[in-house]
PDB file of N, CA and C in Angstrom:
ATOM      1  N   MET A   1      87.731  82.283  93.167  1.00  0.00           N
ATOM      2  CA  MET A   1      87.720  83.624  94.158  1.00  0.00           C
ATOM      3  C   MET A   1      88.719  83.336  95.734  1.00  0.00           C
ATOM      4  N   ASP A   2      88.294  84.372  96.240  1.00  0.00           N
ATOM      5  CA  ASP A   2      89.152  84.307  97.574  1.00  0.00           C
ATOM      6  C   ASP A   2      88.264  84.564  98.530  1.00  0.00           C
ATOM      7  N   SER A   3      88.543  83.597  99.910  1.00  0.00           N
ATOM      8  CA  SER A   3      87.293  83.666 100.880  1.00  0.00           C
ATOM      9  C   SER A   3      86.618  85.060 100.968  1.00  0.00           C
ATOM     10  N   GLY A   4      87.470  86.409 101.123  1.00  0.00           N
ATOM     11  CA  GLY A   4      86.960  87.559 101.204  1.00  0.00           C
ATOM     12  C   GLY A   4      85.811  87.817 100.152  1.00  0.00           C
ATOM     13  N   GLY A   5      85.988  87.222  99.088  1.00  0.00           N
ATOM     14  CA  GLY A   5      84.899  87.580  97.593  1.00  0.00           C
ATOM     15  C   GLY A   5      84.052  86.540  97.874  1.00  0.00           C
ATOM     16  N   LYS A   6      84.258  85.624  98.329  1.00  0.00           N
ATOM     17  CA  LYS A   6      82.862  85.070  98.522  1.00  0.00           C
ATOM     18  C   LYS A   6      82.428  85.358  99.617  1.00  0.00           C
ATOM     19  N   LEU A   7      82.955  85.761 100.633  1.00  0.00           N
ATOM     20  CA  LEU A   7      81.708  86.213 101.974  1.00  0.00           C
ATOM     21  C   LEU A   7      81.177  87.607 101.481  1.00  0.00           C
ATOM     22  N   LEU A   8      81.612  88.026 100.632  1.00  0.00           N
ATOM     23  CA  LEU A   8      81.242  89.297 100.314  1.00  0.00           C
ATOM     24  C   LEU A   8      80.085  88.692  99.415  1.00  0.00           C
ATOM     25  N   ALA A   9      80.295  87.963  98.238  1.00  0.00           N
ATOM     26  CA  ALA A   9      79.207  87.547  97.689  1.00  0.00           C
ATOM     27  C   ALA A   9      77.835  87.075  98.385  1.00  0.00           C
ATOM     28  N   ALA A  10      78.225  86.118  99.144  1.00  0.00           N
ATOM     29  CA  ALA A  10      77.141  85.559 100.083  1.00  0.00           C
ATOM     30  C   ALA A  10      76.354  86.975 101.556  1.00  0.00           C
ATOM     31  N   PHE A  11      77.117  87.553 101.782  1.00  0.00           N
ATOM     32  CA  PHE A  11      76.498  88.618 102.043  1.00  0.00           C
ATOM     33  C   PHE A  11      75.667  89.495 101.519  1.00  0.00           C
ATOM     34  N   ILE A  12      76.177  90.203  99.822  1.00  0.00           N
ATOM     35  CA  ILE A  12      74.782  90.327  99.123  1.00  0.00           C
ATOM     36  C   ILE A  12      74.064  89.830  98.735  1.00  0.00           C
ATOM     37  N   ALA A  13      74.248  88.273  98.572  1.00  0.00           N
ATOM     38  CA  ALA A  13      72.919  87.326  97.983  1.00  0.00           C
ATOM     39  C   ALA A  13      72.146  86.990  99.334  1.00  0.00           C
ATOM     40  N   GLY A  14      72.500  86.820 100.755  1.00  0.00           N
ATOM     41  CA  GLY A  14      71.839  87.180 101.918  1.00  0.00           C
ATOM     42  C   GLY A  14      70.608  88.035 102.474  1.00  0.00           C
ATOM     43  N   ALA A  15      71.536  89.461 101.670  1.00  0.00           N
ATOM     44  CA  ALA A  15      71.087  90.930 101.578  1.00  0.00           C
ATOM     45  C   ALA A  15      69.869  90.695 100.969  1.00  0.00           C
ATOM     46  N   LEU A  16      70.077  90.835  99.368  1.00  0.00           N
ATOM     47  CA  LEU A  16      69.177  90.625  98.492  1.00  0.00           C
ATOM     48  C   LEU A  16      68.033  89.781  98.878  1.00  0.00           C
ATOM     49  N   ALA A  17      68.353  88.700  99.590  1.00  0.00           N
ATOM     50  CA  ALA A  17      67.026  87.766  99.398  1.00  0.00           C
ATOM     51  C   ALA A  17      66.457  88.144 100.660  1.00  0.00           C
ATOM     52  N   GLY A  18      66.606  88.686 101.846  1.00  0.00           N
ATOM     53  CA  GLY A  18      66.065  89.175 102.752  1.00  0.00           C
ATOM     54  C   GLY A  18      65.317  90.098 102.193  1.00  0.00           C
ATOM     55  N   ALA A  19      65.853  91.112 101.680  1.00  0.00           N
ATOM     56  CA  ALA A  19      64.796  92.556 101.377  1.00  0.00           C
ATOM     57  C   ALA A  19      63.937  91.669 100.294  1.00  0.00           C
ATOM     58  N   GLY A  20      63.891  90.722  99.624  1.00  0.00           N
ATOM     59  CA  GLY A  20      62.749  90.629  98.193  1.00  0.00           C
ATOM     60  C   GLY A  20      61.744  89.926  99.518  1.00  0.00           C
ATOM     61  N   ILE A  21      62.415  88.988 100.201  1.00  0.00           N
ATOM     62  CA  ILE A  21      61.352  88.581 100.793  1.00  0.00           C
ATOM     63  C   ILE A  21      60.294  89.334 101.813  1.00  0.00           C
ATOM     64  N   GLY A  22      60.820  90.112 102.753  1.00  0.00           N
ATOM     65  CA  GLY A  22      60.045  90.772 103.486  1.00  0.00           C
ATOM     66  C   GLY A  22      59.423  92.168 102.517  1.00  0.00           C
ATOM     67  N   ILE A  23      60.302  92.730 101.621  1.00  0.00           N
ATOM     68  CA  ILE A  23      59.194  93.407 100.672  1.00  0.00           C
ATOM     69  C   ILE A  23      57.766  92.474 100.387  1.00  0.00           C
ATOM     70  N   LEU A  24      58.233  91.261  99.671  1.00  0.00           N
ATOM     71  CA  LEU A  24      56.755  90.647  99.421  1.00  0.00           C
ATOM     72  C   LEU A  24      56.208  89.954 100.041  1.00  0.00           C
ATOM     73  N   LEU A  25      56.311  89.934 101.408  1.00  0.00           N
ATOM     74  CA  LEU A  25      55.363  89.170 102.758  1.00  0.00           C
ATOM     75  C   LEU A  25      54.362  90.558 103.306  1.00  0.00           C
ATOM     76  N   ALA A  26      55.180  91.907 102.879  1.00  0.00           N
ATOM     77  CA  ALA A  26      54.591  93.283 103.514  1.00  0.00           C
ATOM     78  C   ALA A  26      53.031  92.845 102.820  1.00  0.00           C
ATOM     79  N   PRO A  27      52.084  93.394 103.280  1.00  0.00           N
ATOM     80  CA  PRO A  27      51.130  93.738 102.974  1.00  0.00           C
ATOM     81  C   PRO A  27      50.616  94.830 102.448  1.00  0.00           C
ATOM     82  N   GLU A  28      51.159  95.137 100.870  1.00  0.00           N
ATOM     83  CA  GLU A  28      51.307  96.438 100.034  1.00  0.00           C
ATOM     84  C   GLU A  28      50.332  95.985  99.156  1.00  0.00           C
ATOM     85  N   LYS A  29      49.887  96.948  98.475  1.00  0.00           N
ATOM     86  CA  LYS A  29      49.424  96.622  96.670  1.00  0.00           C
ATOM     87  C   LYS A  29      50.487  96.152  95.829  1.00  0.00           C
ATOM     88  N   GLY A  30      50.284  95.749  94.932  1.00  0.00           N
ATOM     89  CA  GLY A  30      51.248  95.108  94.219  1.00  0.00           C
ATOM     90  C   GLY A  30      52.204  96.438  93.591  1.00  0.00           C
ATOM     91  N   LYS A  31      51.759  97.263  93.189  1.00  0.00           N
ATOM     92  CA  LYS A  31      52.324  98.239  92.537  1.00  0.00           C
ATOM     93  C   LYS A  31      53.464  99.245  93.580  1.00  0.00           C
ATOM     94  N   VAL A  32      52.907  99.212  94.828  1.00  0.00           N
ATOM     95  CA  VAL A  32      53.558  99.447  96.002  1.00  0.00           C
ATOM     96  C   VAL A  32      54.984  98.952  96.252  1.00  0.00           C
ATOM     97  N   THR A  33      54.537  97.533  96.542  1.00  0.00           N
ATOM     98  CA  THR A  33      55.624  96.520  97.097  1.00  0.00           C
ATOM     99  C   THR A  33      56.960  96.359  95.536  1.00  0.00           C
ATOM    100  N   ARG A  34      56.061  96.720  94.169  1.00  0.00           N
ATOM    101  CA  ARG A  34      57.243  96.541  92.874  1.00  0.00           C
ATOM    102  C   ARG A  34      58.002  97.595  93.199  1.00  0.00           C
ATOM    103  N   GLU A  35      57.901  98.891  93.599  1.00  0.00           N
ATOM    104  CA  GLU A  35      58.244  99.976  93.668  1.00  0.00           C
ATOM    105  C   GLU A  35      59.621 100.024  95.013  1.00  0.00           C
ATOM    106  N   LYS A  36      59.180  99.458  96.037  1.00  0.00           N
ATOM    107  CA  LYS A  36      59.826  99.358  97.384  1.00  0.00           C
ATOM    108  C   LYS A  36      60.665  98.073  96.960  1.00  0.00           C
ATOM    109  N   LEU A  37      60.570  97.292  96.145  1.00  0.00           N
ATOM    110  CA  LEU A  37      61.973  96.326  96.059  1.00  0.00           C
ATOM    111  C   LEU A  37      62.967  96.760  94.719  1.00  0.00           C
ATOM    112  N   LYS A  38      62.255  97.383  93.802  1.00  0.00           N
ATOM    113  CA  LYS A  38      63.180  98.140  92.791  1.00  0.00           C
ATOM    114  C   LYS A  38      64.227  99.397  93.729  1.00  0.00           C
ATOM    115  N   GLY A  39      63.646  99.744  95.026  1.00  0.00           N
ATOM    116  CA  GLY A  39      64.549 100.875  95.444  1.00  0.00           C
ATOM    117  C   GLY A  39      65.186  99.875  96.091  1.00  0.00           C
ATOM    118  N   SER A  40      64.938  98.956  97.025  1.00  0.00           N
ATOM    119  CA  SER A  40      65.777  98.475  97.680  1.00  0.00           C
ATOM    120  C   SER A  40      67.143  97.605  96.897  1.00  0.00           C
ATOM    121  N   ILE A  41      66.467  96.834  95.462  1.00  0.00           N
ATOM    122  CA  ILE A  41      67.497  96.406  94.965  1.00  0.00           C
ATOM    123  C   ILE A  41      68.606  97.277  94.230  1.00  0.00           C
ATOM    124  N   ASP A  42      67.769  98.617  93.902  1.00  0.00           N
ATOM    125  CA  ASP A  42      68.895  99.405  93.572  1.00  0.00           C
ATOM    126  C   ASP A  42      69.764 100.196  94.654  1.00  0.00           C
ATOM    127  N   GLY A  43      69.273 100.343  95.617  1.00  0.00           N
ATOM    128  CA  GLY A  43      70.508 100.952  97.101  1.00  0.00           C
ATOM    129  C   GLY A  43      71.223  99.922  97.090  1.00  0.00           C
ATOM    130  N   LEU A  44      71.254  98.632  97.177  1.00  0.00           N
ATOM    131  CA  LEU A  44      71.901  97.049  97.213  1.00  0.00           C
ATOM    132  C   LEU A  44      72.714  97.130  96.131  1.00  0.00           C
ATOM    133  N   SER A  45      72.365  97.484  95.007  1.00  0.00           N
ATOM    134  CA  SER A  45      73.062  97.292  93.796  1.00  0.00           C
ATOM    135  C   SER A  45      74.370  98.310  94.169  1.00  0.00           C
ATOM    136  N   ASP A  46      74.129  99.585  94.554  1.00  0.00           N
ATOM    137  CA  ASP A  46      75.475 100.779  94.804  1.00  0.00           C
ATOM    138  C   ASP A  46      75.833 100.667  95.831  1.00  0.00           C
ATOM    139  N   LYS A  47      75.411  99.727  97.057  1.00  0.00           N
ATOM    140  CA  LYS A  47      76.328  99.414  98.071  1.00  0.00           C
ATOM    141  C   LYS A  47      77.478  98.039  97.584  1.00  0.00           C
ATOM    142  N   ALA A  48      77.017  97.528  96.955  1.00  0.00           N
ATOM    143  CA  ALA A  48      77.652  96.153  96.304  1.00  0.00           C
ATOM    144  C   ALA A  48      78.807  96.649  95.457  1.00  0.00           C
ATOM    145  N   LYS A  49      78.103  97.882  94.438  1.00  0.00           N
ATOM    146  CA  LYS A  49      79.447  98.104  93.868  1.00  0.00           C
ATOM    147  C   LYS A  49      80.421  99.090  94.606  1.00  0.00           C
ATOM    148  N   GLU A  50      79.875  99.831  95.535  1.00  0.00           N
ATOM    149  CA  GLU A  50      81.378 100.871  96.108  1.00  0.00           C
ATOM    150  C   GLU A  50      81.956  99.624  96.918  1.00  0.00           C
ATOM    151  N   ALA A  51      80.914  98.469  97.859  1.00  0.00           N
ATOM    152  CA  ALA A  51      81.798  97.958  98.440  1.00  0.00           C
ATOM    153  C   ALA A  51      83.437  96.722  97.503  1.00  0.00           C
ATOM    154  N   TYR A  52      82.749  96.652  96.296  1.00  0.00           N
ATOM    155  CA  TYR A  52      83.961  96.005  95.494  1.00  0.00           C
ATOM    156  C   TYR A  52      84.720  97.002  95.119  1.00  0.00           C
ATOM    157  N   LYS A  53      84.124  97.915  94.671  1.00  0.00           N
ATOM    158  CA  LYS A  53      85.699  98.779  94.410  1.00  0.00           C
ATOM    159  C   LYS A  53      86.665  99.285  95.890  1.00  0.00           C
ATOM    160  N   LYS A  54      86.337  99.094  96.936  1.00  0.00           N
ATOM    161  CA  LYS A  54      86.799  99.261  98.276  1.00  0.00           C
ATOM    162  C   LYS A  54      87.719  98.101  98.375  1.00  0.00           C
ATOM    163  N   ALA A  55      87.239  96.860  97.605  1.00  0.00           N
ATOM    164  CA  ALA A  55      87.837  95.532  98.309  1.00  0.00           C
ATOM    165  C   ALA A  55      88.937  95.786  97.297  1.00  0.00           C
ATOM    166  N   GLN A  56      88.406  96.128  95.891  1.00  0.00           N
ATOM    167  CA  GLN A  56      89.728  95.925  95.023  1.00  0.00           C
ATOM    168  C   GLN A  56      90.593  97.081  95.203  1.00  0.00           C
ATOM    169  N   GLN A  57      90.507  98.231  95.584  1.00  0.00           N
ATOM    170  CA  GLN A  57      91.565  99.307  96.218  1.00  0.00           C
ATOM    171  C   GLN A  57      92.454  98.466  97.169  1.00  0.00           C
ATOM    172  N   ALA A  58      91.930  97.987  97.892  1.00  0.00           N
ATOM    173  CA  ALA A  58      92.804  97.137  99.133  1.00  0.00           C
ATOM    174  C   ALA A  58      93.805  96.124  98.588  1.00  0.00           C
ATOM    175  N   TYR A  59      92.844  95.202  97.663  1.00  0.00           N
ATOM    176  CA  TYR A  59      93.412  94.119  97.332  1.00  0.00           C
ATOM    177  C   TYR A  59      94.668  94.605  96.349  1.00  0.00           C
ATOM    178  N   ASP A  60      94.821  95.531  95.543  1.00  0.00           N
ATOM    179  CA  ASP A  60      95.249  96.239  95.032  1.00  0.00           C
ATOM    180  C   ASP A  60      96.989  96.791  95.533  1.00  0.00           C
ATOM    181  N   ASP A  61      96.472  97.831  96.755  1.00  0.00           N
ATOM    182  CA  ASP A  61      97.392  97.858  97.408  1.00  0.00           C
ATOM    183  C   ASP A  61      98.267  96.926  98.410  1.00  0.00           C
ATOM    184  N   PHE A  62      97.228  96.186  98.670  1.00  0.00           N
ATOM    185  CA  PHE A  62      98.586  94.665  98.891  1.00  0.00           C
ATOM    186  C   PHE A  62      98.873  94.444  98.192  1.00  0.00           C
ATOM    187  N   MET A  63      98.880  94.062  97.194  1.00  0.00           N
ATOM    188  CA  MET A  63      99.766  93.531  96.207  1.00  0.00           C
ATOM    189  C   MET A  63     100.749  94.406  95.436  1.00  0.00           C
ATOM    190  N   LYS A  64     100.937  95.832  95.659  1.00  0.00           N
ATOM    191  CA  LYS A  64     101.953  96.541  95.466  1.00  0.00           C
ATOM    192  C   LYS A  64     103.207  96.339  96.721  1.00  0.00           C
ATOM    193  N   GLU A  65     102.430  96.431  97.700  1.00  0.00           N
ATOM    194  CA  GLU A  65     103.216  96.442  99.236  1.00  0.00           C
ATOM    195  C   GLU A  65     103.876  95.366  99.193  1.00  0.00           C
ATOM    196  N   ALA A  66     103.232  93.928  98.630  1.00  0.00           N
ATOM    197  CA  ALA A  66     103.906  93.133  98.554  1.00  0.00           C
ATOM    198  C   ALA A  66     105.078  92.810  98.319  1.00  0.00           C
ATOM    199  N   ASN A  67     104.644  93.565  96.608  1.00  0.00           N
ATOM    200  CA  ASN A  67     105.685  93.481  95.476  1.00  0.00           C
ATOM    201  C   ASN A  67     106.944  94.199  95.896  1.00  0.00           C
ATOM    202  N   VAL A  68     106.963  95.378  96.618  1.00  0.00           N
ATOM    203  CA  VAL A  68     107.845  96.124  96.993  1.00  0.00           C
ATOM    204  C   VAL A  68     108.272  95.276  98.048  1.00  0.00           C
ATOM    205  N   GLU A  69     108.060  94.644  99.051  1.00  0.00           N
ATOM    206  CA  GLU A  69     108.471  94.285  99.974  1.00  0.00           C
ATOM    207  C   GLU A  69     109.729  92.922  98.959  1.00  0.00           C
ATOM    208  N   ASN A  70     109.339  92.239  98.651  1.00  0.00           N
ATOM    209  CA  ASN A  70     109.726  91.151  97.467  1.00  0.00           C
ATOM    210  C   ASN A  70     110.726  91.713  96.870  1.00  0.00           C
ATOM    211  N   GLU A  71     110.968  92.608  95.939  1.00  0.00           N
ATOM    212  CA  GLU A  71     111.793  93.330  95.680  1.00  0.00           C
ATOM    213  C   GLU A  71     112.675  93.697  96.591  1.00  0.00           C
ATOM    214  N   GLU A  72     112.775  94.710  97.485  1.00  0.00           N
ATOM    215  CA  GLU A  72     113.701  94.788  98.289  1.00  0.00           C
ATOM    216  C   GLU A  72     114.565  93.674  99.377  1.00  0.00           C
ATOM    217  N   LYS A  73     113.734  92.609  98.932  1.00  0.00           N
ATOM    218  CA  LYS A  73     114.461  91.566  99.886  1.00  0.00           C
ATOM    219  C   LYS A  73     115.166  91.144  98.394  1.00  0.00           C
ATOM    220  N   SER A  74     115.007  90.529  97.594  1.00  0.00           N
ATOM    221  CA  SER A  74     115.577  90.261  96.642  1.00  0.00           C
ATOM    222  C   SER A  74     116.875  91.105  96.239  1.00  0.00           C
ATOM    223  N   THR A  75     116.801  92.408  96.236  1.00  0.00           N
ATOM    224  CA  THR A  75     117.829  93.625  96.061  1.00  0.00           C
ATOM    225  C   THR A  75     118.871  93.722  97.147  1.00  0.00           C
ATOM    226  N   SER A  76     118.708  93.270  98.288  1.00  0.00           N
ATOM    227  CA  SER A  76     119.225  92.971  99.451  1.00  0.00           C
ATOM    228  C   SER A  76     120.152  91.216  99.260  1.00  0.00           C
ATOM    229  N   LYS A  77     119.569  90.593  98.675  1.00  0.00           N
ATOM    230  CA  LYS A  77     119.907  89.540  98.231  1.00  0.00           C
ATOM    231  C   LYS A  77     121.460  89.421  97.384  1.00  0.00           C
ATOM    232  N   ALA A  78     120.990  90.272  96.558  1.00  0.00           N
ATOM    233  CA  ALA A  78     121.941  90.503  95.662  1.00  0.00           C
ATOM    234  C   ALA A  78     123.385  91.015  95.603  1.00  0.00           C
TER     235      ALA A  78
END
């Protein structure tokens, strides 16, 4: 995993931990707390999936551009 992936994973883990602790420490009934926790996890899951898709697309675009530049250099040397 590259440093960008590690940073994203650490951010997501921290967000999940913070949301979970905040909800668990809130003075609510158990059912309400569980519902809030589920909602927070679902929301973060959706955000994480979207961030992953964007990062993957940016990586793919970068690799395509790098391959084009390498092919252009190879062609000009020949």
